Every structure is written in structure tokens, then in C-alpha cells.
């Protein structure tokens, strides 16, 4: 085992149990097994992100299956968290590789999740991240237009 991996595992023991479960599930998200969602998410979960709003575990499973089609790599690194009763805020960094985005180069997107728990499972999750940084800027024509607009917004 490498020294970095050993250090990471030692640090992980200091994380709250819920963060350990999140890390385990989202570590290699491109290999997601939607049947494992039952261990993490409540049957009546509400999941909201910049792309979609779903309600119920079955809809969440379908959504995750669909979003992972064609994804070659997707890894989440959880950096910081704050806990308050049944609510947790988690900062994360997603590393994504998709053949149709950024010429299959890795895309790094920071984000935050607000999680609410019921019966030790996530009942509500709201993800905040920049869709432009994740998708729009990496689609050839759209990326060109967005970068032109950004450059005009910055004073010379």
C-alpha cells in the first residue's frame, strides 16, 4: 500500500460515519451500482441538482444510470463538511472524463451538497455546482461562445 493511500485511510477514520458512507459510494462514481443506493438514500428521497429534480429512490436510480452512460471516469473527493443535527454540508471536487466533452480530457468541477437525513439515510440532497464548468464550456461551439462572452465581461 502506498504511503499516500495509507495516510488517506487513516484520515478517513476521523470522518463522521455519514461522510465515510458517501466517500465509499461516490469514490468511483462511474462504476456506480444503483442497487447500493438503498443503503445511502431514503425511499422518499428528493434529489436536486442544476440538471434535474427527482423524487423517490426509483427515480434517483434511473437518473444516476442515465447520467453515467458513456462516462469513462467520475470520481468525487470530499474535502470539508459541516454537520448540524440531521443536516450536513459537504464540499467536494468532481473529476469527470467523457468522450464527448473536452476532447476526453479530465474536467474538474468543485461543488457543494446540502444533505438532510431521516432514519440515518439521505432524505434530501441539493447539489450546487457550475454547469458551465462541467458541460457547456467543453462542448466545442458552445464553449467558444461562452468564452467569448466571458472575455467581453472582463474590463481591459
Protein backbone atom coordinates (compact mmCIF):
# COMPACT_ATOMS: atom_id res chain seq x y z
CA UNK A 1 0.00 0.00 0.00
CA UNK A 2 1.37 3.42 -0.93
CA UNK A 3 2.15 5.94 1.80
CA UNK A 4 -0.45 8.40 0.43
CA UNK A 5 -3.18 5.74 0.42
CA UNK A 6 -2.29 4.74 4.00
CA UNK A 7 -2.46 8.39 5.10
CA UNK A 8 -5.82 8.81 3.37
CA UNK A 9 -7.24 5.71 5.07
CA UNK A 10 -6.00 6.90 8.46
CA UNK A 11 -7.66 10.31 7.93
CA UNK A 12 -10.88 8.63 6.82
CA UNK A 13 -11.33 7.11 10.27
CA UNK A 14 -11.71 10.66 11.63
CA UNK A 15 -14.64 11.38 9.28
CA UNK A 16 -18.20 11.12 10.56
CA UNK A 17 -19.87 7.84 9.60
CA UNK A 18 -22.10 9.52 7.01
CA UNK A 19 -19.10 11.05 5.23
CA UNK A 20 -17.41 7.64 5.19
CA UNK A 21 -20.52 6.16 3.52
CA UNK A 22 -20.61 8.99 0.96
CA UNK A 23 -16.92 8.58 0.20
CA UNK A 24 -17.31 4.85 -0.26
CA UNK A 25 -20.23 5.23 -2.66
CA UNK A 26 -19.02 8.21 -4.67
CA UNK A 27 -15.31 7.34 -4.76
CA UNK A 28 -15.56 5.86 -8.24
CA UNK A 29 -18.97 7.04 -9.37
CA UNK A 30 -18.57 5.88 -12.97
CA UNK A 31 -18.78 2.31 -11.63
CA UNK A 32 -21.97 3.17 -9.76
CA UNK A 33 -24.15 0.29 -8.64
CA UNK A 34 -27.59 1.83 -8.29
CA UNK A 35 -28.77 -1.04 -6.10
CA UNK A 36 -26.39 0.22 -3.40
CA UNK A 37 -28.34 3.48 -3.26
CA UNK A 38 -30.77 1.74 -0.89
CA UNK A 39 -28.03 1.79 1.77
CA UNK A 40 -27.47 5.53 1.47
CA UNK A 41 -30.75 7.14 0.35
CA UNK A 42 -34.23 7.10 1.90
CA UNK A 43 -37.12 5.64 -0.16
CA UNK A 44 -38.72 9.13 -0.32
CA UNK A 45 -35.52 10.99 -1.24
CA UNK A 46 -35.64 14.30 -3.09
CA UNK A 47 -32.53 14.98 -5.18
CA UNK A 48 -31.96 18.36 -6.82
CA UNK A 49 -29.03 19.49 -8.94
CA UNK A 50 -28.59 22.02 -11.78
CA UNK A 51 -29.69 19.38 -14.29
CA UNK A 52 -32.67 17.68 -12.72
CA UNK A 53 -35.08 17.35 -9.81
CA UNK A 54 -36.15 13.82 -8.87
CA UNK A 55 -38.30 12.40 -6.11
CA UNK A 56 -38.14 8.84 -4.84
CA UNK A 57 -35.42 6.23 -4.82
CA UNK A 58 -36.52 4.62 -8.10
CA UNK A 59 -36.31 7.96 -9.96
CA UNK A 60 -32.89 8.62 -8.42
CA UNK A 61 -31.64 5.23 -9.58
CA UNK A 62 -32.87 5.93 -13.12
CA UNK A 63 -31.32 9.40 -13.08
CA UNK A 64 -27.91 8.12 -11.94
CA UNK A 65 -27.98 5.32 -14.52
CA UNK A 66 -28.73 7.82 -17.27
CA UNK A 67 -26.13 10.38 -16.25
CA UNK A 68 -23.39 7.78 -16.12
CA UNK A 69 -23.96 6.46 -19.66
CA UNK A 70 -20.77 6.99 -21.65
CA UNK A 71 -18.82 8.36 -18.69
CA UNK A 72 -15.34 6.88 -18.64
CA UNK A 73 -14.34 8.17 -15.23
CA UNK A 74 -16.09 10.08 -12.45
CA UNK A 75 -14.55 10.46 -9.02
CA UNK A 76 -15.67 12.62 -6.10
CA UNK A 77 -13.21 13.82 -3.47
CA UNK A 78 -14.88 15.18 -0.34
CA UNK A 79 -12.80 17.96 1.18
CA UNK A 80 -14.72 19.60 4.01
CA UNK A 81 -18.03 19.15 5.78
CA UNK A 82 -20.17 20.76 8.45
CA UNK A 83 -22.71 18.83 10.48
CA UNK A 84 -25.71 20.25 12.33
CA UNK A 85 -28.11 17.64 13.66
CA UNK A 86 -29.71 15.87 10.69
CA UNK A 87 -28.11 18.20 8.15
CA UNK A 88 -24.67 18.07 6.55
CA UNK A 89 -22.95 20.37 4.08
CA UNK A 90 -20.16 18.75 2.08
CA UNK A 91 -17.60 20.41 -0.20
CA UNK A 92 -16.41 18.17 -2.99
CA UNK A 93 -14.45 18.10 -6.18
CA UNK A 94 -15.65 16.00 -9.10
CA UNK A 95 -13.20 14.69 -11.69
CA UNK A 96 -15.03 13.67 -14.85
CA UNK A 97 -13.92 12.20 -18.16
CA UNK A 98 -16.42 11.80 -21.00
CA UNK A 99 -15.55 11.18 -24.67
CA UNK A 100 -17.97 13.88 -25.85
CA UNK A 101 -16.64 16.61 -23.54
CA UNK A 102 -13.30 18.48 -23.55
CA UNK A 103 -11.83 16.10 -26.13
CA UNK A 104 -11.97 13.37 -23.47
CA UNK A 105 -9.70 15.35 -21.13
CA UNK A 106 -10.42 15.32 -17.42
CA UNK A 107 -12.82 18.03 -16.24
CA UNK A 108 -12.56 19.18 -12.62
CA UNK A 109 -15.68 20.73 -11.08
CA UNK A 110 -15.95 21.93 -7.47
CA UNK A 111 -19.31 21.71 -5.75
CA UNK A 112 -21.25 21.59 -2.51
CA UNK A 113 -24.03 19.27 -1.37
CA UNK A 114 -26.61 20.03 1.30
CA UNK A 115 -27.86 16.77 2.77
CA UNK A 116 -30.77 16.16 5.13
CA UNK A 117 -31.19 12.85 6.91
CA UNK A 118 -34.10 10.80 8.14
CA UNK A 119 -33.71 7.37 9.71
CA UNK A 120 -29.93 7.51 9.05
CA UNK A 121 -30.45 7.89 5.28
CA UNK A 122 -30.39 10.89 2.95
CA UNK A 123 -33.96 12.18 2.55
CA UNK A 124 -32.96 15.32 0.64
CA UNK A 125 -29.87 16.26 -1.33
CA UNK A 126 -29.28 19.50 -3.17
CA UNK A 127 -26.10 19.82 -5.20
CA UNK A 128 -24.62 23.18 -6.18
CA UNK A 129 -22.04 23.39 -8.97
CA UNK A 130 -21.25 25.34 -12.13
CA UNK A 131 -22.90 23.67 -15.14
CA UNK A 132 -20.78 25.81 -17.46
CA UNK A 133 -17.57 24.48 -15.93
CA UNK A 134 -18.90 20.94 -16.14
CA UNK A 135 -20.52 20.79 -19.57
CA UNK A 136 -21.22 23.96 -21.53
CA UNK A 137 -17.63 25.20 -21.76
CA UNK A 138 -16.48 21.81 -23.05
CA UNK A 139 -18.86 21.48 -25.99
CA UNK A 140 -16.93 22.84 -28.98
CA UNK A 141 -19.22 25.55 -30.41
CA UNK A 142 -20.96 26.36 -27.14
CA UNK A 143 -17.63 26.58 -25.30
CA UNK A 144 -16.31 29.04 -27.87
CA UNK A 145 -19.37 31.28 -27.45
CA UNK A 146 -19.25 31.15 -23.64
CA UNK A 147 -15.53 32.01 -23.60
CA UNK A 148 -16.16 34.98 -25.95
CA UNK A 149 -18.93 36.25 -23.67
CA UNK A 150 -16.70 35.86 -20.59
CA UNK A 151 -13.84 37.73 -22.24
CA UNK A 152 -16.15 40.68 -23.04
CA UNK A 153 -17.33 40.88 -19.44
CA UNK A 154 -13.81 41.44 -18.10
CA UNK A 155 -12.65 45.06 -18.46
CA UNK A 156 -9.45 45.57 -20.46
